[in-house]
PDB file of N, CA and C in Angstrom:
ATOM      1  N   UNK A   1     -10.988  36.628  10.354  1.00  0.00           N
ATOM      2  CA  UNK A   1     -10.268  35.693   9.419  1.00  0.00           C
ATOM      3  C   UNK A   1      -8.546  36.030   9.529  1.00  0.00           C
ATOM      4  N   UNK A   2      -8.122  37.137   9.814  1.00  0.00           N
ATOM      5  CA  UNK A   2      -6.725  37.048  10.205  1.00  0.00           C
ATOM      6  C   UNK A   2      -6.676  36.745  11.684  1.00  0.00           C
ATOM      7  N   UNK A   3      -7.402  36.542  12.674  1.00  0.00           N
ATOM      8  CA  UNK A   3      -7.358  36.012  13.861  1.00  0.00           C
ATOM      9  C   UNK A   3      -7.126  34.673  13.196  1.00  0.00           C
ATOM     10  N   UNK A   4      -8.108  33.797  12.486  1.00  0.00           N
ATOM     11  CA  UNK A   4      -7.947  32.597  12.437  1.00  0.00           C
ATOM     12  C   UNK A   4      -6.500  31.998  11.609  1.00  0.00           C
ATOM     13  N   UNK A   5      -6.448  33.029  10.643  1.00  0.00           N
ATOM     14  CA  UNK A   5      -4.835  32.668  10.001  1.00  0.00           C
ATOM     15  C   UNK A   5      -3.922  32.364  10.802  1.00  0.00           C
ATOM     16  N   UNK A   6      -3.841  33.501  11.808  1.00  0.00           N
ATOM     17  CA  UNK A   6      -3.049  33.853  12.949  1.00  0.00           C
ATOM     18  C   UNK A   6      -2.539  31.921  13.867  1.00  0.00           C
ATOM     19  N   UNK A   7      -4.042  31.937  13.903  1.00  0.00           N
ATOM     20  CA  UNK A   7      -4.163  30.458  14.620  1.00  0.00           C
ATOM     21  C   UNK A   7      -3.611  29.654  13.931  1.00  0.00           C
ATOM     22  N   UNK A   8      -3.742  29.397  13.054  1.00  0.00           N
ATOM     23  CA  UNK A   8      -3.373  28.201  11.930  1.00  0.00           C
ATOM     24  C   UNK A   8      -2.004  28.184  11.955  1.00  0.00           C
ATOM     25  N   UNK A   9      -1.405  29.410  11.632  1.00  0.00           N
ATOM     26  CA  UNK A   9       0.173  29.622  11.955  1.00  0.00           C
ATOM     27  C   UNK A   9       0.682  29.451  12.972  1.00  0.00           C
ATOM     28  N   UNK A  10       0.146  29.592  14.306  1.00  0.00           N
ATOM     29  CA  UNK A  10       0.554  29.399  15.392  1.00  0.00           C
ATOM     30  C   UNK A  10       0.942  27.984  15.829  1.00  0.00           C
ATOM     31  N   UNK A  11      -0.765  26.931  15.368  1.00  0.00           N
ATOM     32  CA  UNK A  11      -0.415  25.543  15.077  1.00  0.00           C
ATOM     33  C   UNK A  11       0.499  24.901  14.379  1.00  0.00           C
ATOM     34  N   UNK A  12       0.803  25.576  13.029  1.00  0.00           N
ATOM     35  CA  UNK A  12       1.841  25.093  12.319  1.00  0.00           C
ATOM     36  C   UNK A  12       3.087  25.069  12.861  1.00  0.00           C
ATOM     37  N   UNK A  13       3.221  26.226  13.621  1.00  0.00           N
ATOM     38  CA  UNK A  13       4.671  26.465  13.949  1.00  0.00           C
ATOM     39  C   UNK A  13       4.839  25.817  15.219  1.00  0.00           C
ATOM     40  N   UNK A  14       3.491  25.538  16.023  1.00  0.00           N
ATOM     41  CA  UNK A  14       3.886  24.847  17.561  1.00  0.00           C
ATOM     42  C   UNK A  14       4.388  23.222  16.869  1.00  0.00           C
ATOM     43  N   UNK A  15       3.589  22.992  15.612  1.00  0.00           N
ATOM     44  CA  UNK A  15       3.774  21.444  15.448  1.00  0.00           C
ATOM     45  C   UNK A  15       5.421  21.343  14.574  1.00  0.00           C
ATOM     46  N   UNK A  16       5.729  22.255  14.036  1.00  0.00           N
ATOM     47  CA  UNK A  16       6.986  22.440  13.078  1.00  0.00           C
ATOM     48  C   UNK A  16       7.966  22.184  14.346  1.00  0.00           C
ATOM     49  N   UNK A  17       7.617  23.197  15.595  1.00  0.00           N
ATOM     50  CA  UNK A  17       8.622  23.111  16.857  1.00  0.00           C
ATOM     51  C   UNK A  17       8.435  21.545  17.398  1.00  0.00           C
ATOM     52  N   UNK A  18       7.667  21.124  17.617  1.00  0.00           N
ATOM     53  CA  UNK A  18       7.498  19.762  18.137  1.00  0.00           C
ATOM     54  C   UNK A  18       8.105  18.672  17.147  1.00  0.00           C
ATOM     55  N   UNK A  19       8.462  18.677  15.598  1.00  0.00           N
ATOM     56  CA  UNK A  19       8.643  18.173  15.344  1.00  0.00           C
ATOM     57  C   UNK A  19      10.324  17.878  15.093  1.00  0.00           C
ATOM     58  N   UNK A  20      10.820  19.480  14.804  1.00  0.00           N
ATOM     59  CA  UNK A  20      11.911  19.788  15.408  1.00  0.00           C
ATOM     60  C   UNK A  20      12.980  18.972  16.287  1.00  0.00           C
ATOM     61  N   UNK A  21      11.772  19.081  17.650  1.00  0.00           N
ATOM     62  CA  UNK A  21      12.183  18.543  19.121  1.00  0.00           C
ATOM     63  C   UNK A  21      12.796  17.057  19.018  1.00  0.00           C
ATOM     64  N   UNK A  22      11.588  16.801  17.827  1.00  0.00           N
ATOM     65  CA  UNK A  22      11.610  15.161  18.282  1.00  0.00           C
ATOM     66  C   UNK A  22      12.369  14.857  17.093  1.00  0.00           C
ATOM     67  N   UNK A  23      13.063  15.161  15.936  1.00  0.00           N
ATOM     68  CA  UNK A  23      14.300  15.246  15.314  1.00  0.00           C
ATOM     69  C   UNK A  23      15.466  15.196  15.880  1.00  0.00           C
ATOM     70  N   UNK A  24      15.725  16.295  16.796  1.00  0.00           N
ATOM     71  CA  UNK A  24      17.015  16.891  17.947  1.00  0.00           C
ATOM     72  C   UNK A  24      17.242  15.485  18.709  1.00  0.00           C
ATOM     73  N   UNK A  25      15.933  15.150  19.402  1.00  0.00           N
ATOM     74  CA  UNK A  25      16.128  13.747  20.446  1.00  0.00           C
ATOM     75  C   UNK A  25      16.617  12.690  19.293  1.00  0.00           C
ATOM     76  N   UNK A  26      15.985  12.054  18.108  1.00  0.00           N
ATOM     77  CA  UNK A  26      16.630  11.364  17.305  1.00  0.00           C
ATOM     78  C   UNK A  26      18.165  11.426  17.112  1.00  0.00           C
ATOM     79  N   UNK A  27      18.218  12.926  16.351  1.00  0.00           N
ATOM     80  CA  UNK A  27      19.530  13.118  16.163  1.00  0.00           C
ATOM     81  C   UNK A  27      20.516  12.514  17.524  1.00  0.00           C
ATOM     82  N   UNK A  28      20.223  12.827  18.058  1.00  0.00           N
ATOM     83  CA  UNK A  28      21.034  12.897  19.363  1.00  0.00           C
ATOM     84  C   UNK A  28      21.354  11.222  19.690  1.00  0.00           C
ATOM     85  N   UNK A  29      20.088  10.572  19.555  1.00  0.00           N
ATOM     86  CA  UNK A  29      20.280   9.071  20.037  1.00  0.00           C
ATOM     87  C   UNK A  29      20.958   8.617  19.036  1.00  0.00           C
ATOM     88  N   UNK A  30      21.019   8.875  17.488  1.00  0.00           N
ATOM     89  CA  UNK A  30      21.648   8.434  16.696  1.00  0.00           C
ATOM     90  C   UNK A  30      22.947   8.688  16.691  1.00  0.00           C
ATOM     91  N   UNK A  31      23.385   9.406  17.172  1.00  0.00           N
ATOM     92  CA  UNK A  31      24.999   9.912  17.629  1.00  0.00           C
ATOM     93  C   UNK A  31      25.268   9.096  18.280  1.00  0.00           C
ATOM     94  N   UNK A  32      24.723   8.925  19.728  1.00  0.00           N
ATOM     95  CA  UNK A  32      24.784   8.227  20.930  1.00  0.00           C
ATOM     96  C   UNK A  32      25.138   6.756  20.278  1.00  0.00           C
ATOM     97  N   UNK A  33      24.535   5.789  18.848  1.00  0.00           N
ATOM     98  CA  UNK A  33      24.494   4.976  18.857  1.00  0.00           C
ATOM     99  C   UNK A  33      25.663   4.782  18.069  1.00  0.00           C
ATOM    100  N   UNK A  34      25.908   5.962  17.071  1.00  0.00           N
ATOM    101  CA  UNK A  34      27.418   5.873  16.124  1.00  0.00           C
ATOM    102  C   UNK A  34      28.370   6.007  17.064  1.00  0.00           C
ATOM    103  N   UNK A  35      28.375   6.684  18.187  1.00  0.00           N
ATOM    104  CA  UNK A  35      29.661   6.307  19.137  1.00  0.00           C
ATOM    105  C   UNK A  35      30.107   5.136  19.560  1.00  0.00           C
ATOM    106  N   UNK A  36      28.715   4.516  20.454  1.00  0.00           N
ATOM    107  CA  UNK A  36      28.913   3.423  21.031  1.00  0.00           C
ATOM    108  C   UNK A  36      29.511   1.944  19.541  1.00  0.00           C
ATOM    109  N   UNK A  37      28.807   2.263  18.491  1.00  0.00           N
ATOM    110  CA  UNK A  37      29.245   1.282  17.492  1.00  0.00           C
ATOM    111  C   UNK A  37      30.870   1.858  17.067  1.00  0.00           C
ATOM    112  N   UNK A  38      31.481   2.743  16.734  1.00  0.00           N
ATOM    113  CA  UNK A  38      32.811   3.239  17.052  1.00  0.00           C
ATOM    114  C   UNK A  38      33.221   2.529  17.922  1.00  0.00           C
ATOM    115  N   UNK A  39      33.125   2.573  19.228  1.00  0.00           N
ATOM    116  CA  UNK A  39      33.855   2.062  20.214  1.00  0.00           C
ATOM    117  C   UNK A  39      33.944   0.617  20.305  1.00  0.00           C
ATOM    118  N   UNK A  40      32.691  -0.186  19.559  1.00  0.00           N
ATOM    119  CA  UNK A  40      32.808  -1.647  19.765  1.00  0.00           C
ATOM    120  C   UNK A  40      33.760  -1.917  18.422  1.00  0.00           C
ATOM    121  N   UNK A  41      33.259  -0.831  16.865  1.00  0.00           N
ATOM    122  CA  UNK A  41      34.547  -1.362  15.858  1.00  0.00           C
ATOM    123  C   UNK A  41      35.558  -1.325  16.349  1.00  0.00           C
ATOM    124  N   UNK A  42      36.366  -0.444  17.399  1.00  0.00           N
ATOM    125  CA  UNK A  42      37.569  -0.069  17.732  1.00  0.00           C
ATOM    126  C   UNK A  42      37.997  -1.453  18.415  1.00  0.00           C
ATOM    127  N   UNK A  43      37.129  -1.567  19.467  1.00  0.00           N
ATOM    128  CA  UNK A  43      37.381  -2.879  20.458  1.00  0.00           C
ATOM    129  C   UNK A  43      37.918  -3.839  19.286  1.00  0.00           C
ATOM    130  N   UNK A  44      36.638  -4.548  18.710  1.00  0.00           N
ATOM    131  CA  UNK A  44      36.730  -5.228  17.606  1.00  0.00           C
ATOM    132  C   UNK A  44      37.965  -5.632  16.699  1.00  0.00           C
ATOM    133  N   UNK A  45      38.611  -4.155  16.383  1.00  0.00           N
ATOM    134  CA  UNK A  45      39.933  -4.126  15.658  1.00  0.00           C
ATOM    135  C   UNK A  45      41.003  -4.507  16.167  1.00  0.00           C
ATOM    136  N   UNK A  46      41.165  -4.076  17.757  1.00  0.00           N
ATOM    137  CA  UNK A  46      42.218  -4.307  18.657  1.00  0.00           C
ATOM    138  C   UNK A  46      42.039  -5.832  18.899  1.00  0.00           C
ATOM    139  N   UNK A  47      40.908  -6.214  19.060  1.00  0.00           N
ATOM    140  CA  UNK A  47      40.921  -7.888  19.029  1.00  0.00           C
ATOM    141  C   UNK A  47      41.370  -8.695  18.050  1.00  0.00           C
ATOM    142  N   UNK A  48      41.097  -8.128  17.006  1.00  0.00           N
ATOM    143  CA  UNK A  48      41.414  -8.701  15.807  1.00  0.00           C
ATOM    144  C   UNK A  48      43.244  -9.003  15.574  1.00  0.00           C
ATOM    145  N   UNK A  49      43.693  -7.437  15.746  1.00  0.00           N
ATOM    146  CA  UNK A  49      45.033  -7.285  16.003  1.00  0.00           C
ATOM    147  C   UNK A  49      45.830  -8.259  16.849  1.00  0.00           C
ATOM    148  N   UNK A  50      44.963  -8.514  17.981  1.00  0.00           N
ATOM    149  CA  UNK A  50      46.037  -9.301  19.157  1.00  0.00           C
ATOM    150  C   UNK A  50      45.621 -10.712  18.415  1.00  0.00           C
ATOM    151  N   UNK A  51      44.424 -11.459  17.744  1.00  0.00           N
ATOM    152  CA  UNK A  51      44.663 -12.814  17.654  1.00  0.00           C
ATOM    153  C   UNK A  51      45.596 -12.935  16.498  1.00  0.00           C
ATOM    154  N   UNK A  52      45.611 -11.771  16.061  1.00  0.00           N
ATOM    155  CA  UNK A  52      46.691 -11.961  14.551  1.00  0.00           C
ATOM    156  C   UNK A  52      48.305 -12.013  14.906  1.00  0.00           C
ATOM    157  N   UNK A  53      48.405 -11.374  16.017  1.00  0.00           N
ATOM    158  CA  UNK A  53      49.532 -11.495  17.067  1.00  0.00           C
ATOM    159  C   UNK A  53      49.695 -12.981  17.435  1.00  0.00           C
ATOM    160  N   UNK A  54      48.713 -13.228  18.423  1.00  0.00           N
ATOM    161  CA  UNK A  54      48.458 -14.669  18.715  1.00  0.00           C
ATOM    162  C   UNK A  54      49.201 -15.645  17.289  1.00  0.00           C
ATOM    163  N   UNK A  55      48.248 -15.528  16.551  1.00  0.00           N
ATOM    164  CA  UNK A  55      48.514 -16.289  15.338  1.00  0.00           C
ATOM    165  C   UNK A  55      49.977 -16.957  15.203  1.00  0.00           C
ATOM    166  N   UNK A  56      50.262 -15.494  14.958  1.00  0.00           N
ATOM    167  CA  UNK A  56      51.923 -15.608  14.401  1.00  0.00           C
ATOM    168  C   UNK A  56      52.703 -16.064  15.182  1.00  0.00           C
ATOM    169  N   UNK A  57      52.549 -15.625  16.919  1.00  0.00           N
ATOM    170  CA  UNK A  57      53.473 -16.383  17.808  1.00  0.00           C
ATOM    171  C   UNK A  57      53.283 -17.744  17.623  1.00  0.00           C
ATOM    172  N   UNK A  58      52.163 -18.463  17.650  1.00  0.00           N
ATOM    173  CA  UNK A  58      51.555 -19.782  17.698  1.00  0.00           C
ATOM    174  C   UNK A  58      52.728 -20.803  16.196  1.00  0.00           C
ATOM    175  N   UNK A  59      52.683 -19.953  15.417  1.00  0.00           N
ATOM    176  CA  UNK A  59      53.055 -20.391  14.078  1.00  0.00           C
ATOM    177  C   UNK A  59      54.550 -20.508  14.401  1.00  0.00           C
ATOM    178  N   UNK A  60      55.103 -19.660  15.054  1.00  0.00           N
ATOM    179  CA  UNK A  60      56.469 -19.411  15.294  1.00  0.00           C
ATOM    180  C   UNK A  60      57.003 -20.715  16.465  1.00  0.00           C
ATOM    181  N   UNK A  61      55.657 -20.455  17.276  1.00  0.00           N
ATOM    182  CA  UNK A  61      56.455 -21.701  18.166  1.00  0.00           C
ATOM    183  C   UNK A  61      56.127 -23.102  17.441  1.00  0.00           C
ATOM    184  N   UNK A  62      55.203 -23.613  16.843  1.00  0.00           N
ATOM    185  CA  UNK A  62      55.387 -24.725  15.938  1.00  0.00           C
ATOM    186  C   UNK A  62      56.377 -24.817  15.263  1.00  0.00           C
ATOM    187  N   UNK A  63      56.798 -23.918  14.664  1.00  0.00           N
ATOM    188  CA  UNK A  63      58.011 -24.115  13.752  1.00  0.00           C
ATOM    189  C   UNK A  63      59.120 -24.541  14.939  1.00  0.00           C
ATOM    190  N   UNK A  64      59.313 -23.637  16.085  1.00  0.00           N
ATOM    191  CA  UNK A  64      60.137 -24.544  16.910  1.00  0.00           C
ATOM    192  C   UNK A  64      59.847 -25.685  17.278  1.00  0.00           C
ATOM    193  N   UNK A  65      58.925 -25.994  17.180  1.00  0.00           N
ATOM    194  CA  UNK A  65      58.624 -27.158  18.043  1.00  0.00           C
ATOM    195  C   UNK A  65      59.110 -28.587  17.156  1.00  0.00           C
ATOM    196  N   UNK A  66      59.110 -28.376  15.894  1.00  0.00           N
ATOM    197  CA  UNK A  66      59.203 -28.845  14.864  1.00  0.00           C
ATOM    198  C   UNK A  66      60.626 -29.209  14.661  1.00  0.00           C
ATOM    199  N   UNK A  67      61.169 -28.007  14.644  1.00  0.00           N
ATOM    200  CA  UNK A  67      62.706 -28.440  14.651  1.00  0.00           C
ATOM    201  C   UNK A  67      63.475 -29.235  15.551  1.00  0.00           C
ATOM    202  N   UNK A  68      62.804 -28.727  17.033  1.00  0.00           N
ATOM    203  CA  UNK A  68      63.351 -29.584  17.949  1.00  0.00           C
ATOM    204  C   UNK A  68      63.230 -31.046  18.099  1.00  0.00           C
ATOM    205  N   UNK A  69      61.790 -31.271  17.658  1.00  0.00           N
ATOM    206  CA  UNK A  69      61.750 -32.607  17.174  1.00  0.00           C
ATOM    207  C   UNK A  69      62.329 -33.674  16.236  1.00  0.00           C
ATOM    208  N   UNK A  70      62.613 -32.639  15.004  1.00  0.00           N
ATOM    209  CA  UNK A  70      63.132 -33.141  14.145  1.00  0.00           C
ATOM    210  C   UNK A  70      64.850 -33.401  14.981  1.00  0.00           C
ATOM    211  N   UNK A  71      65.187 -32.843  15.496  1.00  0.00           N
ATOM    212  CA  UNK A  71      66.841 -32.541  16.109  1.00  0.00           C
ATOM    213  C   UNK A  71      66.826 -33.714  17.246  1.00  0.00           C
ATOM    214  N   UNK A  72      65.950 -34.112  17.910  1.00  0.00           N
ATOM    215  CA  UNK A  72      65.749 -35.045  18.974  1.00  0.00           C
ATOM    216  C   UNK A  72      65.485 -36.197  18.093  1.00  0.00           C
ATOM    217  N   UNK A  73      64.420 -36.561  17.451  1.00  0.00           N
ATOM    218  CA  UNK A  73      64.538 -37.631  16.149  1.00  0.00           C
ATOM    219  C   UNK A  73      65.955 -38.114  15.524  1.00  0.00           C
ATOM    220  N   UNK A  74      66.780 -37.112  15.380  1.00  0.00           N
ATOM    221  CA  UNK A  74      67.959 -37.356  14.852  1.00  0.00           C
ATOM    222  C   UNK A  74      68.838 -37.458  15.881  1.00  0.00           C
ATOM    223  N   UNK A  75      68.876 -37.208  16.909  1.00  0.00           N
ATOM    224  CA  UNK A  75      69.664 -37.394  18.081  1.00  0.00           C
ATOM    225  C   UNK A  75      69.650 -39.344  18.689  1.00  0.00           C
ATOM    226  N   UNK A  76      68.279 -39.269  18.717  1.00  0.00           N
ATOM    227  CA  UNK A  76      67.599 -40.499  18.792  1.00  0.00           C
ATOM    228  C   UNK A  76      68.146 -41.874  18.095  1.00  0.00           C
ATOM    229  N   UNK A  77      68.052 -41.541  16.700  1.00  0.00           N
ATOM    230  CA  UNK A  77      68.793 -42.442  15.940  1.00  0.00           C
ATOM    231  C   UNK A  77      70.143 -42.816  15.753  1.00  0.00           C
ATOM    232  N   UNK A  78      70.875 -41.418  16.009  1.00  0.00           N
ATOM    233  CA  UNK A  78      72.336 -41.794  16.121  1.00  0.00           C
ATOM    234  C   UNK A  78      72.516 -42.176  17.539  1.00  0.00           C
ATOM    235  N   UNK A  79      71.937 -42.430  18.346  1.00  0.00           N
ATOM    236  CA  UNK A  79      72.180 -43.128  19.698  1.00  0.00           C
ATOM    237  C   UNK A  79      71.816 -44.338  19.727  1.00  0.00           C
ATOM    238  N   UNK A  80      70.688 -44.670  18.850  1.00  0.00           N
ATOM    239  CA  UNK A  80      70.466 -46.110  18.573  1.00  0.00           C
ATOM    240  C   UNK A  80      71.551 -47.154  17.619  1.00  0.00           C
ATOM    241  N   UNK A  81      71.586 -46.371  16.472  1.00  0.00           N
ATOM    242  CA  UNK A  81      73.045 -46.616  15.628  1.00  0.00           C
ATOM    243  C   UNK A  81      73.868 -47.248  16.077  1.00  0.00           C
ATOM    244  N   UNK A  82      74.698 -45.892  17.278  1.00  0.00           N
ATOM    245  CA  UNK A  82      76.080 -46.431  17.945  1.00  0.00           C
ATOM    246  C   UNK A  82      75.749 -47.457  18.910  1.00  0.00           C
ATOM    247  N   UNK A  83      75.011 -47.568  19.860  1.00  0.00           N
ATOM    248  CA  UNK A  83      74.756 -48.434  20.857  1.00  0.00           C
ATOM    249  C   UNK A  83      74.271 -49.616  20.237  1.00  0.00           C
ATOM    250  N   UNK A  84      73.660 -49.885  18.993  1.00  0.00           N
ATOM    251  CA  UNK A  84      73.537 -51.204  17.814  1.00  0.00           C
ATOM    252  C   UNK A  84      74.913 -51.444  17.867  1.00  0.00           C
ATOM    253  N   UNK A  85      75.720 -50.916  17.092  1.00  0.00           N
ATOM    254  CA  UNK A  85      77.310 -51.053  16.497  1.00  0.00           C
ATOM    255  C   UNK A  85      78.067 -51.395  17.502  1.00  0.00           C
ATOM    256  N   UNK A  86      77.776 -50.943  18.954  1.00  0.00           N
ATOM    257  CA  UNK A  86      78.815 -51.082  20.402  1.00  0.00           C
ATOM    258  C   UNK A  86      78.199 -52.361  20.569  1.00  0.00           C
ATOM    259  N   UNK A  87      77.070 -52.688  20.463  1.00  0.00           N
ATOM    260  CA  UNK A  87      76.479 -54.243  21.181  1.00  0.00           C
ATOM    261  C   UNK A  87      77.087 -55.297  19.918  1.00  0.00           C
ATOM    262  N   UNK A  88      77.041 -55.106  18.830  1.00  0.00           N
ATOM    263  CA  UNK A  88      77.880 -55.545  17.840  1.00  0.00           C
ATOM    264  C   UNK A  88      79.190 -55.945  18.158  1.00  0.00           C
ATOM    265  N   UNK A  89      80.196 -55.134  18.044  1.00  0.00           N
ATOM    266  CA  UNK A  89      81.824 -54.981  18.323  1.00  0.00           C
ATOM    267  C   UNK A  89      81.496 -56.106  19.615  1.00  0.00           C
ATOM    268  N   UNK A  90      80.887 -55.146  20.901  1.00  0.00           N
ATOM    269  CA  UNK A  90      81.327 -56.267  22.060  1.00  0.00           C
ATOM    270  C   UNK A  90      81.248 -57.819  21.994  1.00  0.00           C
ATOM    271  N   UNK A  91      79.841 -57.897  21.197  1.00  0.00           N
ATOM    272  CA  UNK A  91      79.624 -59.527  20.705  1.00  0.00           C
ATOM    273  C   UNK A  91      81.034 -59.867  20.068  1.00  0.00           C
ATOM    274  N   UNK A  92      81.532 -58.959  18.711  1.00  0.00           N
ATOM    275  CA  UNK A  92      82.414 -59.670  17.808  1.00  0.00           C
ATOM    276  C   UNK A  92      83.658 -59.870  18.721  1.00  0.00           C
ATOM    277  N   UNK A  93      83.841 -59.088  19.477  1.00  0.00           N
ATOM    278  CA  UNK A  93      85.037 -58.933  20.819  1.00  0.00           C
ATOM    279  C   UNK A  93      85.337 -60.203  21.593  1.00  0.00           C
ATOM    280  N   UNK A  94      84.320 -60.487  21.979  1.00  0.00           N
ATOM    281  CA  UNK A  94      84.124 -61.662  22.988  1.00  0.00           C
ATOM    282  C   UNK A  94      84.326 -62.665  22.352  1.00  0.00           C
ATOM    283  N   UNK A  95      83.801 -63.045  21.089  1.00  0.00           N
ATOM    284  CA  UNK A  95      83.951 -64.167  20.319  1.00  0.00           C
ATOM    285  C   UNK A  95      85.178 -64.101  19.496  1.00  0.00           C
TER     286      UNK A  95
END
């Protein structure tokens, strides 16, 4: 009877050892995946920061382009205004 109990105990211990080894392997696999995900999250965060900086620079460029377009439009209108009155003045002076 004692031999049978020892055999059962040995089987239980071996089964427990096998399960512990499997759990250790799963734990290692889980740690590896968590580390990979952490690296991917860091990469995505860096990409998001870079994209935000690019959008901010793009907005500044658009603002500058709008200002340049506005000032060049003003210059062009002033140029045509002066040109028109110069032609009218020359026509009046000729007559």
